[in-house]
Amino acid sequence: MRLVARSLATATLGAALALGTTVPADAATTVLTTGHVDVLDVDYTSGALSVQLLDGTSGGVRRDPSTVELDVLAAAKTTVPSNSAYGFLGTPGSTVWILPQTQNANLLWPGWNSTDVASGVFQGNSLTLSLQSVSGGRVGVYTQSLGTPTVLFNSGDGLPDAKPLATGAHVHANWAFGSAGTYTVTFRVSGVLAATGATVSADATYTFKVLP
């Protein structure tokens, strides 16, 4: 899947998250296991696009992704449905670890946001979110409605995968991992500035640890 044309729904983050503090890149590694986290926290300030991690488990702390380990606990373990629409997850009946779109208090609830990107900065008030690379196993990110999945990113059929991301958006989806182990996942956010037509971008790399 090279491009997902469907836009995602938007919502507003709470004021506490919007005003969260920032932890420097040289901080000790923080391990997150449960609670709300915006894996990609997109911002545009002082002429630069940036991608951080917004840790809602600590009241809205912005962290450099390189300082965070995102743990996928054993409670996320399930099996791939027999429905062919879920074939991107693997063989029916095989094991898969899923951090769900709907919050489960016993797991991480990962999403992404562009709520701090002001309207009018980018052409069409739209950015592009791309999954650039994955190591450690297969990763799939998808939404689900009435039992039907919409695949957003799938490392199993070639990368990069790209999709539009509206400015002012806050999105949650299912994050699926095909095996236990440590994953390195790199995303890129890019956009065309409305004022100049120049393209700006920022990359961020994340570590997920999937527990058996």
N, C-alpha and C. Protein backbone atom coordinates (compact mmCIF):
# COMPACT_ATOMS: atom_id res chain seq x y z
N MET A 1 0.85 -1.18 0.00
CA MET A 1 0.00 0.00 0.00
C MET A 1 0.89 1.23 0.00
N ARG A 2 0.85 2.02 -1.08
CA ARG A 2 1.71 3.18 -1.21
C ARG A 2 1.04 4.46 -0.75
N LEU A 3 -0.26 4.56 -0.90
CA LEU A 3 -0.92 5.79 -0.49
C LEU A 3 -2.33 5.49 -0.05
N VAL A 4 -2.69 5.99 1.11
CA VAL A 4 -4.06 5.90 1.59
C VAL A 4 -4.69 7.25 1.39
N ALA A 5 -5.74 7.34 0.57
CA ALA A 5 -6.29 8.62 0.19
C ALA A 5 -7.31 9.13 1.19
N ARG A 6 -7.78 8.26 2.06
CA ARG A 6 -8.84 8.65 2.98
C ARG A 6 -8.30 9.52 4.11
N SER A 7 -8.93 10.64 4.36
CA SER A 7 -8.58 11.50 5.48
C SER A 7 -9.11 10.91 6.77
N LEU A 8 -8.44 11.20 7.86
CA LEU A 8 -8.88 10.69 9.16
C LEU A 8 -9.66 11.76 9.89
N ALA A 9 -10.52 11.31 10.79
CA ALA A 9 -11.33 12.22 11.59
C ALA A 9 -10.45 13.02 12.53
N THR A 10 -10.95 14.18 12.92
CA THR A 10 -10.19 15.05 13.82
C THR A 10 -10.91 15.25 15.13
N ALA A 11 -10.16 15.60 16.13
CA ALA A 11 -10.72 15.92 17.44
C ALA A 11 -9.78 16.86 18.14
N THR A 12 -10.18 17.43 19.22
CA THR A 12 -9.36 18.39 19.95
C THR A 12 -8.76 17.77 21.19
N LEU A 13 -7.46 17.92 21.37
CA LEU A 13 -6.81 17.46 22.60
C LEU A 13 -7.15 18.41 23.73
N GLY A 14 -7.07 17.92 24.95
CA GLY A 14 -7.31 18.75 26.12
C GLY A 14 -6.24 19.81 26.30
N ALA A 15 -6.60 20.87 26.98
CA ALA A 15 -5.66 21.98 27.17
C ALA A 15 -4.42 21.55 27.92
N ALA A 16 -4.56 20.60 28.81
CA ALA A 16 -3.39 20.15 29.58
C ALA A 16 -2.35 19.54 28.68
N LEU A 17 -2.78 18.76 27.66
CA LEU A 17 -1.84 18.16 26.74
C LEU A 17 -1.23 19.22 25.84
N ALA A 18 -2.05 20.16 25.39
CA ALA A 18 -1.55 21.19 24.49
C ALA A 18 -0.46 22.03 25.14
N LEU A 19 -0.50 22.15 26.45
CA LEU A 19 0.47 22.98 27.15
C LEU A 19 1.53 22.15 27.85
N GLY A 20 1.72 20.90 27.42
CA GLY A 20 2.63 19.99 28.10
C GLY A 20 4.07 20.48 28.09
N THR A 21 4.83 20.06 29.09
CA THR A 21 6.24 20.40 29.18
C THR A 21 7.05 19.52 28.22
N THR A 22 8.32 19.87 28.04
CA THR A 22 9.19 19.15 27.11
C THR A 22 10.38 18.58 27.86
N VAL A 23 10.70 17.31 27.57
CA VAL A 23 11.85 16.66 28.18
C VAL A 23 12.98 16.63 27.14
N PRO A 24 14.21 17.02 27.48
CA PRO A 24 15.30 17.10 26.51
C PRO A 24 15.73 15.75 25.98
N ALA A 25 16.43 15.78 24.82
CA ALA A 25 16.81 14.56 24.13
C ALA A 25 17.83 13.73 24.89
N ASP A 26 18.58 14.35 25.83
CA ASP A 26 19.60 13.60 26.56
C ASP A 26 19.06 12.99 27.85
N ALA A 27 17.72 12.99 28.01
CA ALA A 27 17.12 12.42 29.21
C ALA A 27 17.26 10.90 29.21
N ALA A 28 17.18 10.30 30.40
CA ALA A 28 17.22 8.84 30.51
C ALA A 28 16.00 8.24 29.82
N THR A 29 16.12 6.99 29.39
CA THR A 29 15.04 6.32 28.69
C THR A 29 13.82 6.16 29.59
N THR A 30 12.67 6.52 29.05
CA THR A 30 11.39 6.35 29.73
C THR A 30 10.67 5.17 29.10
N VAL A 31 10.24 4.22 29.92
CA VAL A 31 9.50 3.05 29.45
C VAL A 31 8.02 3.27 29.71
N LEU A 32 7.21 3.25 28.65
CA LEU A 32 5.77 3.43 28.77
C LEU A 32 5.07 2.10 28.51
N THR A 33 4.14 1.73 29.39
CA THR A 33 3.49 0.42 29.28
C THR A 33 1.97 0.50 29.17
N THR A 34 1.36 1.53 29.76
CA THR A 34 -0.10 1.68 29.71
C THR A 34 -0.44 3.16 29.61
N GLY A 35 -1.65 3.45 29.13
CA GLY A 35 -2.14 4.81 29.11
C GLY A 35 -2.03 5.48 27.76
N HIS A 36 -2.52 6.71 27.71
CA HIS A 36 -2.60 7.47 26.46
C HIS A 36 -1.24 8.05 26.07
N VAL A 37 -0.86 7.85 24.81
CA VAL A 37 0.37 8.44 24.29
C VAL A 37 0.16 8.75 22.81
N ASP A 38 0.46 9.99 22.44
CA ASP A 38 0.49 10.34 21.02
C ASP A 38 1.91 10.08 20.54
N VAL A 39 2.06 8.96 19.84
CA VAL A 39 3.38 8.55 19.38
C VAL A 39 4.00 9.65 18.52
N LEU A 40 3.19 10.25 17.65
CA LEU A 40 3.66 11.37 16.85
C LEU A 40 2.92 12.64 17.28
N ASP A 41 3.66 13.58 17.81
CA ASP A 41 3.13 14.88 18.22
C ASP A 41 3.74 15.90 17.28
N VAL A 42 2.97 16.35 16.29
CA VAL A 42 3.47 17.17 15.19
C VAL A 42 3.26 18.65 15.53
N ASP A 43 4.29 19.47 15.26
CA ASP A 43 4.18 20.90 15.52
C ASP A 43 4.97 21.65 14.44
N TYR A 44 4.60 22.91 14.25
CA TYR A 44 5.35 23.79 13.36
C TYR A 44 5.52 25.12 14.07
N THR A 45 6.76 25.42 14.46
CA THR A 45 7.06 26.67 15.17
C THR A 45 8.40 27.20 14.68
N SER A 46 8.51 28.51 14.65
CA SER A 46 9.76 29.19 14.29
C SER A 46 10.31 28.70 12.95
N GLY A 47 9.41 28.43 12.02
CA GLY A 47 9.82 28.03 10.68
C GLY A 47 10.27 26.60 10.54
N ALA A 48 10.02 25.77 11.55
CA ALA A 48 10.48 24.38 11.51
C ALA A 48 9.35 23.42 11.87
N LEU A 49 9.27 22.32 11.13
CA LEU A 49 8.36 21.23 11.45
C LEU A 49 9.05 20.28 12.40
N SER A 50 8.35 19.81 13.42
CA SER A 50 8.95 18.91 14.40
C SER A 50 8.00 17.78 14.74
N VAL A 51 8.59 16.65 15.16
CA VAL A 51 7.81 15.50 15.60
C VAL A 51 8.38 15.03 16.93
N GLN A 52 7.57 15.07 17.97
CA GLN A 52 7.95 14.56 19.27
C GLN A 52 6.97 13.47 19.68
N LEU A 53 7.08 13.03 20.93
CA LEU A 53 6.14 12.07 21.50
C LEU A 53 5.45 12.76 22.67
N LEU A 54 4.11 12.75 22.68
CA LEU A 54 3.35 13.39 23.75
C LEU A 54 2.89 12.31 24.72
N ASP A 55 3.48 12.33 25.90
CA ASP A 55 3.23 11.32 26.93
C ASP A 55 2.08 11.75 27.82
N GLY A 56 0.89 11.27 27.50
CA GLY A 56 -0.28 11.58 28.30
C GLY A 56 -0.31 10.87 29.62
N THR A 57 0.51 9.84 29.80
CA THR A 57 0.55 9.11 31.06
C THR A 57 1.19 9.94 32.16
N SER A 58 1.92 11.00 31.76
CA SER A 58 2.59 11.87 32.73
C SER A 58 2.00 13.27 32.73
N GLY A 59 0.75 13.39 32.27
CA GLY A 59 0.08 14.67 32.29
C GLY A 59 0.37 15.57 31.11
N GLY A 60 0.90 15.01 30.03
CA GLY A 60 1.16 15.80 28.84
C GLY A 60 2.60 16.26 28.72
N VAL A 61 3.54 15.34 28.85
CA VAL A 61 4.96 15.66 28.73
C VAL A 61 5.43 15.32 27.31
N ARG A 62 6.07 16.29 26.66
CA ARG A 62 6.63 16.04 25.33
C ARG A 62 8.04 15.48 25.48
N ARG A 63 8.27 14.36 24.82
CA ARG A 63 9.56 13.69 24.93
C ARG A 63 10.17 13.50 23.55
N ASP A 64 11.49 13.52 23.50
CA ASP A 64 12.19 13.13 22.27
C ASP A 64 11.96 11.63 22.07
N PRO A 65 11.51 11.20 20.88
CA PRO A 65 11.23 9.78 20.67
C PRO A 65 12.41 8.86 20.98
N SER A 66 13.63 9.37 20.82
CA SER A 66 14.80 8.53 21.08
C SER A 66 14.97 8.19 22.54
N THR A 67 14.24 8.87 23.42
CA THR A 67 14.36 8.63 24.86
C THR A 67 13.25 7.75 25.41
N VAL A 68 12.42 7.18 24.54
CA VAL A 68 11.24 6.44 24.98
C VAL A 68 11.24 5.03 24.42
N GLU A 69 10.87 4.07 25.29
CA GLU A 69 10.58 2.70 24.86
C GLU A 69 9.09 2.47 25.06
N LEU A 70 8.41 2.07 24.00
CA LEU A 70 6.97 1.79 24.04
C LEU A 70 6.77 0.29 24.14
N ASP A 71 6.28 -0.17 25.28
CA ASP A 71 6.12 -1.61 25.51
C ASP A 71 4.73 -2.09 25.10
N VAL A 72 4.71 -3.16 24.34
CA VAL A 72 3.47 -3.84 23.95
C VAL A 72 3.37 -5.08 24.83
N LEU A 73 2.53 -5.01 25.85
CA LEU A 73 2.48 -6.06 26.86
C LEU A 73 1.83 -7.34 26.33
N ALA A 74 2.03 -8.42 27.07
CA ALA A 74 1.47 -9.72 26.67
C ALA A 74 -0.04 -9.68 26.58
N ALA A 75 -0.68 -8.76 27.30
CA ALA A 75 -2.13 -8.64 27.25
C ALA A 75 -2.63 -8.21 25.88
N ALA A 76 -1.73 -7.71 25.03
CA ALA A 76 -2.10 -7.31 23.67
C ALA A 76 -2.17 -8.50 22.71
N LYS A 77 -1.75 -9.67 23.18
CA LYS A 77 -1.66 -10.84 22.32
C LYS A 77 -3.04 -11.38 21.97
N THR A 78 -3.26 -11.63 20.69
CA THR A 78 -4.51 -12.20 20.21
C THR A 78 -4.21 -13.01 18.96
N THR A 79 -5.24 -13.44 18.22
CA THR A 79 -5.03 -14.21 17.00
C THR A 79 -5.63 -13.49 15.81
N VAL A 80 -5.06 -13.72 14.64
CA VAL A 80 -5.54 -13.11 13.41
C VAL A 80 -6.90 -13.71 13.05
N PRO A 81 -7.91 -12.87 12.79
CA PRO A 81 -9.23 -13.39 12.41
C PRO A 81 -9.19 -14.18 11.11
N SER A 82 -10.18 -15.03 10.93
CA SER A 82 -10.26 -15.81 9.69
C SER A 82 -10.78 -14.97 8.52
N ASN A 83 -11.35 -13.81 8.80
CA ASN A 83 -11.83 -12.89 7.78
C ASN A 83 -10.68 -12.45 6.88
N SER A 84 -10.83 -12.64 5.56
CA SER A 84 -9.74 -12.33 4.63
C SER A 84 -9.36 -10.85 4.65
N ALA A 85 -10.25 -9.99 5.11
CA ALA A 85 -9.95 -8.56 5.17
C ALA A 85 -8.80 -8.27 6.13
N TYR A 86 -8.53 -9.22 7.04
CA TYR A 86 -7.44 -9.05 8.00
C TYR A 86 -6.18 -9.80 7.58
N GLY A 87 -6.09 -10.17 6.33
CA GLY A 87 -4.93 -10.91 5.85
C GLY A 87 -3.62 -10.17 6.01
N PHE A 88 -3.68 -8.83 6.05
CA PHE A 88 -2.45 -8.04 6.22
C PHE A 88 -1.81 -8.27 7.58
N LEU A 89 -2.57 -8.87 8.54
CA LEU A 89 -2.02 -9.14 9.87
C LEU A 89 -1.23 -10.45 9.92
N GLY A 90 -1.45 -11.31 8.93
CA GLY A 90 -0.79 -12.61 8.93
C GLY A 90 -1.75 -13.73 8.63
N THR A 91 -1.31 -14.96 8.84
CA THR A 91 -2.12 -16.15 8.58
C THR A 91 -3.25 -16.26 9.60
N PRO A 92 -4.49 -16.54 9.16
CA PRO A 92 -5.59 -16.70 10.12
C PRO A 92 -5.24 -17.67 11.24
N GLY A 93 -5.51 -17.28 12.47
CA GLY A 93 -5.21 -18.13 13.62
C GLY A 93 -3.82 -17.93 14.19
N SER A 94 -2.95 -17.21 13.48
CA SER A 94 -1.61 -16.98 14.01
C SER A 94 -1.63 -15.87 15.06
N THR A 95 -0.58 -15.78 15.84
CA THR A 95 -0.52 -14.82 16.93
C THR A 95 -0.16 -13.43 16.42
N VAL A 96 -0.84 -12.43 16.96
CA VAL A 96 -0.54 -11.04 16.66
C VAL A 96 -0.75 -10.23 17.94
N TRP A 97 0.03 -9.17 18.10
CA TRP A 97 -0.10 -8.28 19.26
C TRP A 97 -0.72 -6.98 18.77
N ILE A 98 -1.83 -6.55 19.39
CA ILE A 98 -2.53 -5.36 18.92
C ILE A 98 -2.76 -4.38 20.07
N LEU A 99 -2.26 -3.16 19.89
CA LEU A 99 -2.63 -2.04 20.76
C LEU A 99 -3.86 -1.41 20.13
N PRO A 100 -5.01 -1.44 20.82
CA PRO A 100 -6.29 -1.17 20.15
C PRO A 100 -6.61 0.30 19.96
N GLN A 101 -7.46 0.53 18.98
CA GLN A 101 -7.97 1.86 18.65
C GLN A 101 -8.79 2.45 19.80
N THR A 102 -9.53 1.58 20.49
CA THR A 102 -10.33 1.98 21.64
C THR A 102 -9.52 1.73 22.91
N GLN A 103 -9.55 2.66 23.84
CA GLN A 103 -8.68 2.57 25.01
C GLN A 103 -8.94 1.33 25.84
N ASN A 104 -7.85 0.65 26.21
CA ASN A 104 -7.83 -0.46 27.14
C ASN A 104 -6.88 -0.06 28.26
N ALA A 105 -7.39 0.04 29.46
CA ALA A 105 -6.59 0.56 30.58
C ALA A 105 -5.35 -0.28 30.87
N ASN A 106 -5.32 -1.51 30.36
CA ASN A 106 -4.19 -2.41 30.63
C ASN A 106 -3.11 -2.36 29.56
N LEU A 107 -3.28 -1.47 28.57
CA LEU A 107 -2.34 -1.40 27.46
C LEU A 107 -2.07 0.06 27.12
N LEU A 108 -1.04 0.28 26.30
CA LEU A 108 -0.85 1.61 25.73
C LEU A 108 -1.98 1.92 24.75
N TRP A 109 -2.34 3.20 24.70
CA TRP A 109 -3.36 3.67 23.76
C TRP A 109 -2.69 4.69 22.84
N PRO A 110 -2.04 4.20 21.77
CA PRO A 110 -1.22 5.09 20.95
C PRO A 110 -2.02 5.78 19.84
N GLY A 111 -1.67 7.02 19.60
CA GLY A 111 -2.27 7.77 18.50
C GLY A 111 -1.27 8.75 17.95
N TRP A 112 -1.77 9.78 17.24
CA TRP A 112 -0.92 10.85 16.76
C TRP A 112 -1.76 12.12 16.63
N ASN A 113 -1.09 13.27 16.64
CA ASN A 113 -1.84 14.51 16.56
C ASN A 113 -1.07 15.60 15.82
N SER A 114 -1.84 16.53 15.25
CA SER A 114 -1.29 17.73 14.63
C SER A 114 -2.05 18.95 15.14
N THR A 115 -2.52 18.88 16.37
CA THR A 115 -3.39 19.92 16.92
C THR A 115 -2.68 21.25 17.13
N ASP A 116 -1.36 21.24 17.20
CA ASP A 116 -0.62 22.49 17.40
C ASP A 116 -0.16 23.12 16.10
N VAL A 117 -0.54 22.54 14.96
CA VAL A 117 -0.22 23.14 13.67
C VAL A 117 -1.36 24.07 13.29
N ALA A 118 -1.06 25.35 13.18
CA ALA A 118 -2.09 26.35 12.94
C ALA A 118 -2.70 26.24 11.55
N SER A 119 -3.97 26.59 11.45
CA SER A 119 -4.65 26.63 10.16
C SER A 119 -3.99 27.68 9.26
N GLY A 120 -3.87 27.37 7.97
CA GLY A 120 -3.34 28.30 7.00
C GLY A 120 -1.85 28.23 6.79
N VAL A 121 -1.12 27.48 7.62
CA VAL A 121 0.33 27.39 7.47
C VAL A 121 0.69 26.52 6.27
N PHE A 122 -0.03 25.41 6.09
CA PHE A 122 0.27 24.48 5.00
C PHE A 122 -0.82 24.50 3.95
N GLN A 123 -0.43 24.27 2.70
CA GLN A 123 -1.39 24.24 1.61
C GLN A 123 -2.47 23.21 1.89
N GLY A 124 -3.73 23.63 1.72
CA GLY A 124 -4.85 22.73 1.95
C GLY A 124 -5.02 22.33 3.39
N ASN A 125 -4.31 22.99 4.32
CA ASN A 125 -4.33 22.58 5.72
C ASN A 125 -4.09 21.08 5.85
N SER A 126 -3.13 20.59 5.10
CA SER A 126 -2.86 19.15 5.06
C SER A 126 -1.37 18.88 5.08
N LEU A 127 -0.99 17.84 5.80
CA LEU A 127 0.36 17.30 5.84
C LEU A 127 0.34 15.89 5.26
N THR A 128 1.52 15.32 5.09
CA THR A 128 1.63 13.92 4.69
C THR A 128 2.38 13.16 5.78
N LEU A 129 1.78 12.07 6.25
CA LEU A 129 2.39 11.21 7.27
C LEU A 129 2.82 9.92 6.59
N SER A 130 4.11 9.59 6.68
CA SER A 130 4.65 8.42 5.98
C SER A 130 5.35 7.48 6.95
N LEU A 131 5.06 6.20 6.82
CA LEU A 131 5.84 5.17 7.51
C LEU A 131 7.01 4.85 6.60
N GLN A 132 8.21 5.22 7.01
CA GLN A 132 9.39 5.11 6.16
C GLN A 132 10.07 3.76 6.23
N SER A 133 10.22 3.23 7.46
CA SER A 133 10.94 1.97 7.60
C SER A 133 10.56 1.29 8.91
N VAL A 134 10.71 -0.04 8.90
CA VAL A 134 10.44 -0.87 10.09
C VAL A 134 11.48 -1.96 10.14
N SER A 135 12.06 -2.18 11.32
CA SER A 135 12.91 -3.35 11.53
C SER A 135 12.41 -4.09 12.76
N GLY A 136 12.59 -5.40 12.76
CA GLY A 136 12.20 -6.22 13.90
C GLY A 136 10.99 -7.10 13.67
N GLY A 137 10.22 -6.83 12.61
CA GLY A 137 9.03 -7.63 12.33
C GLY A 137 8.01 -6.82 11.54
N ARG A 138 6.84 -7.39 11.35
CA ARG A 138 5.79 -6.74 10.58
C ARG A 138 4.96 -5.82 11.47
N VAL A 139 4.69 -4.62 10.96
CA VAL A 139 3.84 -3.66 11.66
C VAL A 139 2.70 -3.25 10.74
N GLY A 140 1.48 -3.27 11.29
CA GLY A 140 0.32 -2.79 10.57
C GLY A 140 -0.45 -1.81 11.43
N VAL A 141 -0.88 -0.70 10.86
CA VAL A 141 -1.68 0.29 11.57
C VAL A 141 -2.98 0.45 10.80
N TYR A 142 -4.10 0.31 11.49
CA TYR A 142 -5.39 0.33 10.79
C TYR A 142 -6.49 0.82 11.72
N THR A 143 -7.52 1.36 11.10
CA THR A 143 -8.74 1.69 11.84
C THR A 143 -9.77 0.60 11.57
N GLN A 144 -10.80 0.56 12.39
CA GLN A 144 -11.81 -0.49 12.27
C GLN A 144 -13.18 0.09 12.56
N SER A 145 -14.13 -0.21 11.69
CA SER A 145 -15.51 0.24 11.88
C SER A 145 -16.44 -0.88 11.46
N LEU A 146 -17.35 -1.25 12.36
CA LEU A 146 -18.33 -2.32 12.09
C LEU A 146 -17.65 -3.60 11.62
N GLY A 147 -16.51 -3.90 12.22
CA GLY A 147 -15.82 -5.15 11.92
C GLY A 147 -15.00 -5.13 10.65
N THR A 148 -14.91 -3.99 9.96
CA THR A 148 -14.16 -3.89 8.71
C THR A 148 -12.93 -3.02 8.91
N PRO A 149 -11.73 -3.52 8.58
CA PRO A 149 -10.52 -2.72 8.77
C PRO A 149 -10.23 -1.83 7.56
N THR A 150 -9.66 -0.67 7.86
CA THR A 150 -9.09 0.21 6.83
C THR A 150 -7.61 0.33 7.13
N VAL A 151 -6.78 -0.22 6.25
CA VAL A 151 -5.34 -0.26 6.49
C VAL A 151 -4.73 1.10 6.17
N LEU A 152 -4.00 1.64 7.13
CA LEU A 152 -3.32 2.91 6.96
C LEU A 152 -1.86 2.71 6.60
N PHE A 153 -1.18 1.84 7.34
CA PHE A 153 0.22 1.52 7.09
C PHE A 153 0.40 0.02 7.22
N ASN A 154 1.22 -0.56 6.34
CA ASN A 154 1.47 -1.99 6.37
C ASN A 154 2.88 -2.25 5.89
N SER A 155 3.77 -2.56 6.81
CA SER A 155 5.17 -2.79 6.42
C SER A 155 5.33 -4.09 5.65
N GLY A 156 4.30 -4.94 5.67
CA GLY A 156 4.40 -6.23 5.00
C GLY A 156 4.28 -6.18 3.50
N ASP A 157 3.83 -5.06 2.93
CA ASP A 157 3.69 -5.00 1.47
C ASP A 157 4.52 -3.90 0.84
N GLY A 158 5.55 -3.47 1.53
CA GLY A 158 6.46 -2.49 0.97
C GLY A 158 6.28 -1.11 1.56
N LEU A 159 7.41 -0.44 1.76
CA LEU A 159 7.42 0.90 2.33
C LEU A 159 8.22 1.83 1.41
N PRO A 160 7.97 3.14 1.45
CA PRO A 160 7.13 3.85 2.42
C PRO A 160 5.65 3.76 2.09
N ASP A 161 4.83 3.90 3.13
CA ASP A 161 3.39 4.08 3.02
C ASP A 161 3.08 5.51 3.45
N ALA A 162 2.18 6.17 2.73
CA ALA A 162 1.88 7.57 3.06
C ALA A 162 0.38 7.81 3.09
N LYS A 163 -0.03 8.75 3.93
CA LYS A 163 -1.43 9.13 4.01
C LYS A 163 -1.52 10.60 4.36
N PRO A 164 -2.62 11.26 3.97
CA PRO A 164 -2.79 12.66 4.35
C PRO A 164 -3.14 12.79 5.83
N LEU A 165 -2.65 13.86 6.44
CA LEU A 165 -2.96 14.17 7.82
C LEU A 165 -3.40 15.62 7.89
N ALA A 166 -4.66 15.86 8.21
CA ALA A 166 -5.16 17.22 8.32
C ALA A 166 -4.51 17.93 9.50
N THR A 167 -4.25 19.23 9.36
CA THR A 167 -3.80 19.99 10.51
C THR A 167 -4.96 20.05 11.51
N GLY A 168 -4.60 20.11 12.80
CA GLY A 168 -5.62 20.13 13.84
C GLY A 168 -6.24 18.78 14.13
N ALA A 169 -5.58 17.70 13.71
CA ALA A 169 -6.15 16.36 13.87
C ALA A 169 -5.63 15.65 15.12
N HIS A 170 -6.44 14.75 15.65
CA HIS A 170 -6.05 13.86 16.74
C HIS A 170 -6.65 12.50 16.41
N VAL A 171 -5.80 11.50 16.19
CA VAL A 171 -6.22 10.22 15.62
C VAL A 171 -5.78 9.06 16.49
N HIS A 172 -6.65 8.06 16.62
CA HIS A 172 -6.26 6.79 17.23
C HIS A 172 -6.56 5.66 16.25
N ALA A 173 -5.74 4.63 16.31
CA ALA A 173 -5.87 3.49 15.41
C ALA A 173 -5.37 2.25 16.12
N ASN A 174 -5.55 1.09 15.50
CA ASN A 174 -4.99 -0.16 15.99
C ASN A 174 -3.55 -0.29 15.48
N TRP A 175 -2.65 -0.65 16.38
CA TRP A 175 -1.24 -0.88 16.02
C TRP A 175 -0.96 -2.37 16.21
N ALA A 176 -0.62 -3.06 15.15
CA ALA A 176 -0.45 -4.52 15.18
C ALA A 176 1.01 -4.90 14.91
N PHE A 177 1.48 -5.88 15.68
CA PHE A 177 2.86 -6.36 15.58
C PHE A 177 2.83 -7.88 15.39
N GLY A 178 3.59 -8.37 14.41
CA GLY A 178 3.48 -9.76 14.01
C GLY A 178 4.27 -10.75 14.85
N SER A 179 5.15 -10.28 15.72
CA SER A 179 5.96 -11.20 16.52
C SER A 179 6.51 -10.45 17.73
N ALA A 180 6.95 -11.22 18.72
CA ALA A 180 7.61 -10.62 19.87
C ALA A 180 8.99 -10.13 19.47
N GLY A 181 9.50 -9.13 20.18
CA GLY A 181 10.82 -8.61 19.90
C GLY A 181 10.85 -7.10 19.94
N THR A 182 11.99 -6.54 19.55
CA THR A 182 12.19 -5.10 19.56
C THR A 182 12.11 -4.55 18.14
N TYR A 183 11.28 -3.54 17.97
CA TYR A 183 11.06 -2.93 16.66
C TYR A 183 11.61 -1.51 16.64
N THR A 184 12.15 -1.12 15.50
CA THR A 184 12.52 0.26 15.24
C THR A 184 11.65 0.76 14.10
N VAL A 185 10.90 1.82 14.36
CA VAL A 185 9.89 2.30 13.41
C VAL A 185 10.14 3.79 13.14
N THR A 186 10.33 4.13 11.86
CA THR A 186 10.61 5.52 11.49
C THR A 186 9.46 6.10 10.68
N PHE A 187 8.97 7.27 11.12
CA PHE A 187 7.94 8.02 10.42
C PHE A 187 8.52 9.33 9.90
N ARG A 188 7.91 9.83 8.83
CA ARG A 188 8.23 11.16 8.32
C ARG A 188 6.94 11.97 8.17
N VAL A 189 6.99 13.23 8.59
CA VAL A 189 5.89 14.16 8.38
C VAL A 189 6.39 15.25 7.45
N SER A 190 5.62 15.58 6.41
CA SER A 190 6.03 16.61 5.47
C SER A 190 4.82 17.44 5.07
N GLY A 191 5.09 18.63 4.53
CA GLY A 191 4.02 19.49 4.07
C GLY A 191 4.56 20.61 3.21
N VAL A 192 3.68 21.23 2.44
CA VAL A 192 4.04 22.35 1.56
C VAL A 192 3.53 23.64 2.20
N LEU A 193 4.43 24.56 2.46
CA LEU A 193 4.06 25.80 3.11
C LEU A 193 3.20 26.66 2.20
N ALA A 194 2.11 27.18 2.74
CA ALA A 194 1.19 27.99 1.95
C ALA A 194 1.85 29.29 1.48
N ALA A 195 2.69 29.87 2.31
CA ALA A 195 3.27 31.17 2.00
C ALA A 195 4.32 31.14 0.91
N THR A 196 5.11 30.06 0.87
CA THR A 196 6.27 30.03 -0.03
C THR A 196 6.25 28.89 -1.03
N GLY A 197 5.45 27.87 -0.81
CA GLY A 197 5.46 26.69 -1.68
C GLY A 197 6.59 25.74 -1.39
N ALA A 198 7.38 26.04 -0.38
CA ALA A 198 8.50 25.16 -0.02
C ALA A 198 7.99 23.94 0.74
N THR A 199 8.65 22.81 0.54
CA THR A 199 8.33 21.59 1.26
C THR A 199 9.24 21.45 2.47
N VAL A 200 8.65 21.20 3.62
CA VAL A 200 9.43 20.98 4.84
C VAL A 200 9.06 19.60 5.38
N SER A 201 9.99 18.99 6.12
CA SER A 201 9.73 17.65 6.64
C SER A 201 10.51 17.42 7.92
N ALA A 202 10.09 16.39 8.65
CA ALA A 202 10.79 15.98 9.87
C ALA A 202 10.60 14.49 10.06
N ASP A 203 11.65 13.80 10.47
CA ASP A 203 11.61 12.37 10.73
C ASP A 203 11.69 12.10 12.22
N ALA A 204 11.13 10.97 12.65
CA ALA A 204 11.26 10.55 14.03
C ALA A 204 11.27 9.02 14.07
N THR A 205 12.13 8.47 14.92
CA THR A 205 12.28 7.02 15.03
C THR A 205 11.88 6.57 16.43
N TYR A 206 11.10 5.50 16.49
CA TYR A 206 10.52 5.00 17.74
C TYR A 206 10.94 3.56 17.98
N THR A 207 11.02 3.22 19.27
CA THR A 207 11.32 1.85 19.68
C THR A 207 10.09 1.25 20.37
N PHE A 208 9.61 0.14 19.81
CA PHE A 208 8.54 -0.65 20.42
C PHE A 208 9.14 -1.97 20.88
N LYS A 209 8.82 -2.38 22.09
CA LYS A 209 9.24 -3.68 22.59
C LYS A 209 8.01 -4.53 22.81
N VAL A 210 7.88 -5.60 22.01
CA VAL A 210 6.71 -6.49 22.07
C VAL A 210 7.07 -7.68 22.94
N LEU A 211 6.33 -7.84 24.04
CA LEU A 211 6.65 -8.87 25.02
C LEU A 211 5.91 -10.17 24.71
N PRO A 212 6.56 -11.30 24.85
CA PRO A 212 5.93 -12.58 24.50
C PRO A 212 4.84 -12.98 25.49
